[in-house]
Protein backbone atom coordinates (compact mmCIF):
# COMPACT_ATOMS: atom_id res chain seq x y z
CA MET A 1 -27.61 -9.18 -2.69
CA PHE A 2 -28.14 -8.70 -6.42
CA GLN A 3 -30.46 -10.85 -8.50
CA ASP A 4 -30.16 -12.14 -12.07
CA ILE A 5 -26.63 -10.79 -12.68
CA ARG A 6 -25.14 -12.29 -15.82
CA ALA A 7 -21.83 -10.36 -16.10
CA VAL A 8 -19.44 -8.44 -13.88
CA LEU A 9 -17.46 -5.46 -15.17
CA PHE A 10 -14.54 -3.87 -13.33
CA ASP A 11 -12.57 -0.68 -13.40
CA LEU A 12 -8.84 -1.44 -13.70
CA ASP A 13 -6.56 0.85 -11.67
CA GLY A 14 -7.48 0.79 -8.00
CA THR A 15 -10.06 -1.96 -8.48
CA LEU A 16 -8.29 -4.94 -10.07
CA ILE A 17 -4.68 -3.72 -10.02
CA ASP A 18 -2.49 -1.58 -7.80
CA SER A 19 -0.62 0.45 -10.43
CA ALA A 20 0.26 3.33 -8.10
CA PRO A 21 3.94 2.33 -7.73
CA ASP A 22 4.60 2.52 -11.48
CA LEU A 23 2.41 5.60 -12.04
CA GLY A 24 4.06 7.41 -9.16
CA ALA A 25 7.55 6.42 -10.30
CA ALA A 26 6.85 7.72 -13.81
CA ALA A 27 5.91 11.12 -12.42
CA ASP A 28 8.65 11.18 -9.82
CA LYS A 29 11.31 10.56 -12.48
CA MET A 30 10.17 13.79 -14.06
CA ARG A 31 10.85 15.56 -10.76
CA THR A 32 14.30 14.09 -10.24
CA ASP A 33 15.21 14.68 -13.89
CA ARG A 34 14.62 18.36 -13.14
CA GLY A 35 16.67 18.36 -9.99
CA LEU A 36 13.69 18.29 -7.66
CA PRO A 37 13.65 16.02 -4.61
CA PRO A 38 11.69 12.77 -4.91
CA LEU A 39 8.29 12.37 -3.31
CA PRO A 40 7.17 9.24 -1.45
CA LEU A 41 4.72 6.82 -3.05
CA ALA A 42 2.22 7.77 -0.35
CA ALA A 43 1.97 11.23 -1.92
CA TYR A 44 1.00 9.81 -5.31
CA ARG A 45 -1.20 6.87 -4.29
CA PRO A 46 -4.48 8.73 -3.53
CA MET A 47 -4.47 10.25 -7.04
CA ALA A 48 -3.28 7.19 -8.96
CA GLY A 49 -6.76 6.58 -10.35
CA ALA A 50 -6.67 9.97 -12.08
CA GLY A 51 -3.76 8.99 -14.34
CA ALA A 52 -1.55 11.69 -15.84
CA ARG A 53 -3.75 14.48 -14.54
CA GLY A 54 -3.47 13.25 -10.97
CA MET A 55 0.22 12.41 -11.14
CA LEU A 56 1.24 15.77 -12.63
CA ASP A 57 -0.85 17.57 -10.05
CA ILE A 58 1.03 15.83 -7.23
CA ALA A 59 4.47 16.10 -8.85
CA PHE A 60 4.25 19.70 -10.05
CA GLY A 61 0.93 21.18 -8.93
CA MET A 62 0.12 21.30 -12.64
CA ALA A 63 -3.49 21.44 -13.84
CA PRO A 64 -4.69 20.55 -17.36
CA ASP A 65 -5.03 24.24 -18.24
CA HIS A 66 -1.29 24.83 -17.71
CA ALA A 67 0.49 25.95 -20.89
CA GLU A 68 2.95 23.04 -20.73
CA PHE A 69 0.54 20.37 -19.55
CA ALA A 70 0.41 18.56 -22.90
CA LEU A 71 4.22 18.35 -23.09
CA TYR A 72 4.52 17.14 -19.51
CA ARG A 73 1.77 14.61 -20.08
CA GLU A 74 3.55 13.08 -23.06
CA GLU A 75 6.76 12.83 -21.05
CA PHE A 76 4.83 11.16 -18.26
CA PHE A 77 3.25 8.73 -20.74
CA ALA A 78 6.67 7.79 -22.12
CA ASN A 79 8.03 7.21 -18.63
CA TYR A 80 5.02 5.13 -17.65
CA GLU A 81 5.00 3.08 -20.85
CA SER A 82 8.61 2.06 -20.22
CA ARG A 83 7.90 0.72 -16.73
CA MET A 84 4.18 0.06 -16.35
CA THR A 85 4.54 -3.62 -15.41
CA GLN A 86 7.55 -3.34 -13.09
CA HIS A 87 5.73 -3.06 -9.78
CA THR A 88 2.04 -3.19 -10.74
CA ARG A 89 0.24 -6.10 -9.12
CA ILE A 90 -3.31 -7.37 -8.83
CA PHE A 91 -4.90 -6.71 -5.45
CA ALA A 92 -5.02 -9.58 -2.97
CA GLY A 93 -8.15 -11.60 -3.59
CA VAL A 94 -8.61 -10.59 -7.22
CA ALA A 95 -7.26 -13.86 -8.65
CA GLU A 96 -9.57 -15.87 -6.40
CA LEU A 97 -12.54 -13.66 -7.26
CA LEU A 98 -12.02 -13.99 -11.00
CA ALA A 99 -11.50 -17.74 -10.67
CA GLN A 100 -14.84 -18.01 -8.90
CA LEU A 101 -16.59 -15.99 -11.60
CA GLN A 102 -15.05 -18.17 -14.28
CA ALA A 103 -15.96 -21.37 -12.43
CA GLN A 104 -19.58 -20.24 -12.30
CA GLN A 105 -19.48 -19.30 -16.01
CA LEU A 106 -20.19 -15.66 -15.17
CA PRO A 107 -18.42 -13.55 -17.80
CA TRP A 108 -16.36 -10.59 -16.65
CA GLY A 109 -14.61 -7.69 -18.30
CA VAL A 110 -12.68 -4.47 -17.81
CA VAL A 111 -13.90 -0.92 -18.44
CA THR A 112 -11.19 1.65 -17.77
CA ASN A 113 -10.39 5.24 -18.67
CA LYS A 114 -6.81 4.18 -19.39
CA SER A 115 -6.08 4.49 -23.10
CA ALA A 116 -5.64 1.29 -25.12
CA ARG A 117 -1.97 2.21 -25.58
CA PHE A 118 -1.49 1.17 -21.96
CA THR A 119 -4.49 -1.04 -21.22
CA ASP A 120 -3.87 -3.67 -23.87
CA PRO A 121 -0.21 -4.52 -23.06
CA LEU A 122 -0.90 -4.31 -19.33
CA VAL A 123 -3.81 -6.75 -19.51
CA ARG A 124 -1.75 -9.09 -21.71
CA ALA A 125 1.09 -9.02 -19.18
CA ILE A 126 -1.12 -10.29 -16.33
CA PRO A 127 -2.00 -13.96 -16.85
CA THR A 128 -4.95 -13.70 -14.45
CA PHE A 129 -6.72 -11.46 -16.96
CA ALA A 130 -6.65 -13.99 -19.79
CA SER A 131 -10.23 -14.93 -18.97
CA ALA A 132 -11.59 -11.41 -19.53
CA MET A 133 -14.39 -11.52 -22.08
CA THR A 134 -14.11 -7.82 -23.01
CA VAL A 135 -11.70 -4.96 -22.36
CA ILE A 136 -12.90 -1.40 -22.97
CA SER A 137 -10.35 1.43 -22.77
CA GLY A 138 -10.81 5.15 -22.34
CA ASP A 139 -10.48 5.70 -26.08
CA THR A 140 -12.57 2.74 -27.25
CA THR A 141 -15.68 4.93 -27.46
CA PRO A 142 -15.99 8.68 -28.11
CA HIS A 143 -16.63 9.29 -24.41
CA ALA A 144 -14.84 8.14 -21.26
CA LYS A 145 -16.35 7.66 -17.80
CA PRO A 146 -18.34 9.18 -16.15
CA HIS A 147 -20.20 8.96 -19.47
CA PRO A 148 -22.00 5.59 -19.72
CA ALA A 149 -20.84 4.90 -23.29
CA PRO A 150 -17.88 2.62 -22.37
CA LEU A 151 -20.07 0.51 -20.10
CA LEU A 152 -22.81 0.25 -22.68
CA GLU A 153 -20.21 -0.82 -25.24
CA ALA A 154 -18.96 -3.54 -22.90
CA ALA A 155 -22.48 -4.85 -22.34
CA GLN A 156 -23.14 -4.86 -26.07
CA ARG A 157 -19.95 -6.79 -26.78
CA LEU A 158 -20.90 -9.35 -24.14
CA GLY A 159 -24.41 -9.57 -25.55
CA ILE A 160 -25.88 -8.95 -22.10
CA ALA A 161 -28.38 -6.23 -21.20
CA PRO A 162 -26.91 -3.53 -18.91
CA ALA A 163 -29.60 -4.29 -16.32
CA HIS A 164 -28.01 -7.72 -15.87
CA CYS A 165 -24.50 -6.33 -15.33
CA ILE A 166 -22.63 -5.16 -12.23
CA TYR A 167 -19.94 -2.50 -12.45
CA VAL A 168 -17.29 -2.37 -9.71
CA GLY A 169 -15.05 0.68 -9.31
CA ASP A 170 -13.07 2.71 -6.78
CA ASP A 171 -13.94 6.19 -8.02
CA GLU A 172 -17.13 8.22 -7.95
CA ARG A 173 -17.08 8.51 -11.75
CA ASP A 174 -17.32 4.70 -11.94
CA ILE A 175 -20.53 4.73 -9.96
CA VAL A 176 -21.93 7.68 -11.93
CA ALA A 177 -21.18 5.88 -15.20
CA GLY A 178 -22.57 2.58 -14.00
CA ARG A 179 -25.83 4.08 -12.80
CA ALA A 180 -26.20 6.08 -16.01
CA ALA A 181 -25.76 2.84 -17.97
CA GLY A 182 -28.51 1.19 -15.96
CA MET A 183 -26.19 -1.24 -14.20
CA ALA A 184 -25.94 -2.31 -10.59
CA THR A 185 -22.94 -0.54 -9.04
CA VAL A 186 -20.44 -1.52 -6.36
CA ALA A 187 -17.93 0.90 -4.82
CA ALA A 188 -14.56 -0.59 -3.89
CA THR A 189 -13.17 1.16 -0.81
CA TYR A 190 -9.87 -0.73 -0.94
CA GLY A 191 -8.90 1.32 -4.01
CA TYR A 192 -7.26 4.72 -4.19
CA LEU A 193 -10.12 7.03 -3.26
CA GLY A 194 -12.25 4.92 -0.94
CA ALA A 195 -10.33 5.62 2.25
CA GLN A 196 -10.29 9.36 1.64
CA SER A 197 -13.73 9.97 0.15
CA ASP A 198 -17.33 10.03 1.28
CA VAL A 199 -18.14 6.82 -0.54
CA ALA A 200 -21.68 6.83 0.82
CA ALA A 201 -22.32 9.98 -1.22
CA TRP A 202 -21.41 8.27 -4.48
CA GLY A 203 -24.78 6.53 -4.70
CA ALA A 204 -23.47 3.00 -5.25
CA HIS A 205 -25.91 0.16 -4.77
CA SER A 206 -23.38 -1.60 -2.55
CA VAL A 207 -19.90 -1.12 -1.07
CA ILE A 208 -17.07 -3.65 -0.59
CA ASP A 209 -13.81 -3.34 1.33
CA ALA A 210 -12.05 -6.28 -0.37
CA PRO A 211 -12.38 -7.99 -3.77
CA LEU A 212 -13.76 -11.24 -2.37
CA ALA A 213 -16.50 -9.31 -0.58
CA LEU A 214 -18.21 -9.13 -3.97
CA LEU A 215 -19.03 -12.84 -3.97
CA PRO A 216 -21.76 -12.76 -1.27
CA LEU A 217 -23.50 -10.01 -3.26
CA LEU A 218 -23.84 -12.48 -6.12
CA GLY A 219 -25.66 -15.02 -3.98
CA GLY A 220 -28.79 -14.69 -6.07
CA THR A 221 -26.79 -15.38 -9.22
CA LEU A 222 -24.17 -18.01 -8.55
């Protein structure tokens, strides 16, 4: 149980929203457009948190050092931008969790590596997120996670010291960034990497297997 927490910050993909269906479909369209057979969503889901890099790796075995990676990435971005709210949904329990935070006047926000080009319209499209007090994208600061800069920016915008913030994420880089920022960290195993990773090795201060499992950890705050 954490003490004296005054704000809760969340990663987006794999923590608040399940965007794997739209991310996977954007990459899979690139395969079928090239005459390749489609892949099941299950193939894409574990790497959904890695964005274009993860999706292109699954779809084509393409790494960022590939000569055509930049071209493929832009095509993927265009595909994703055209469909990013079709099948993306908040995880079960997220609406209730955020409602509880709001009811207790505990501000919350989003810190994601997704660029603002996608983050801003996506957040606007989900009414549940209207109560977010800050939204930090991967290009808001000069550095993305696992660098602590985005989290420090979020804390500054909220006017709350990092030591009084919790950061919740489903990827090891979230925990690395949170700890580097001096925040309490919570690993979400219901996200994309939790079930397939050694979460205990991430060094998170706590671990949850469902969004609402965060609430008991705030017992010293609410």
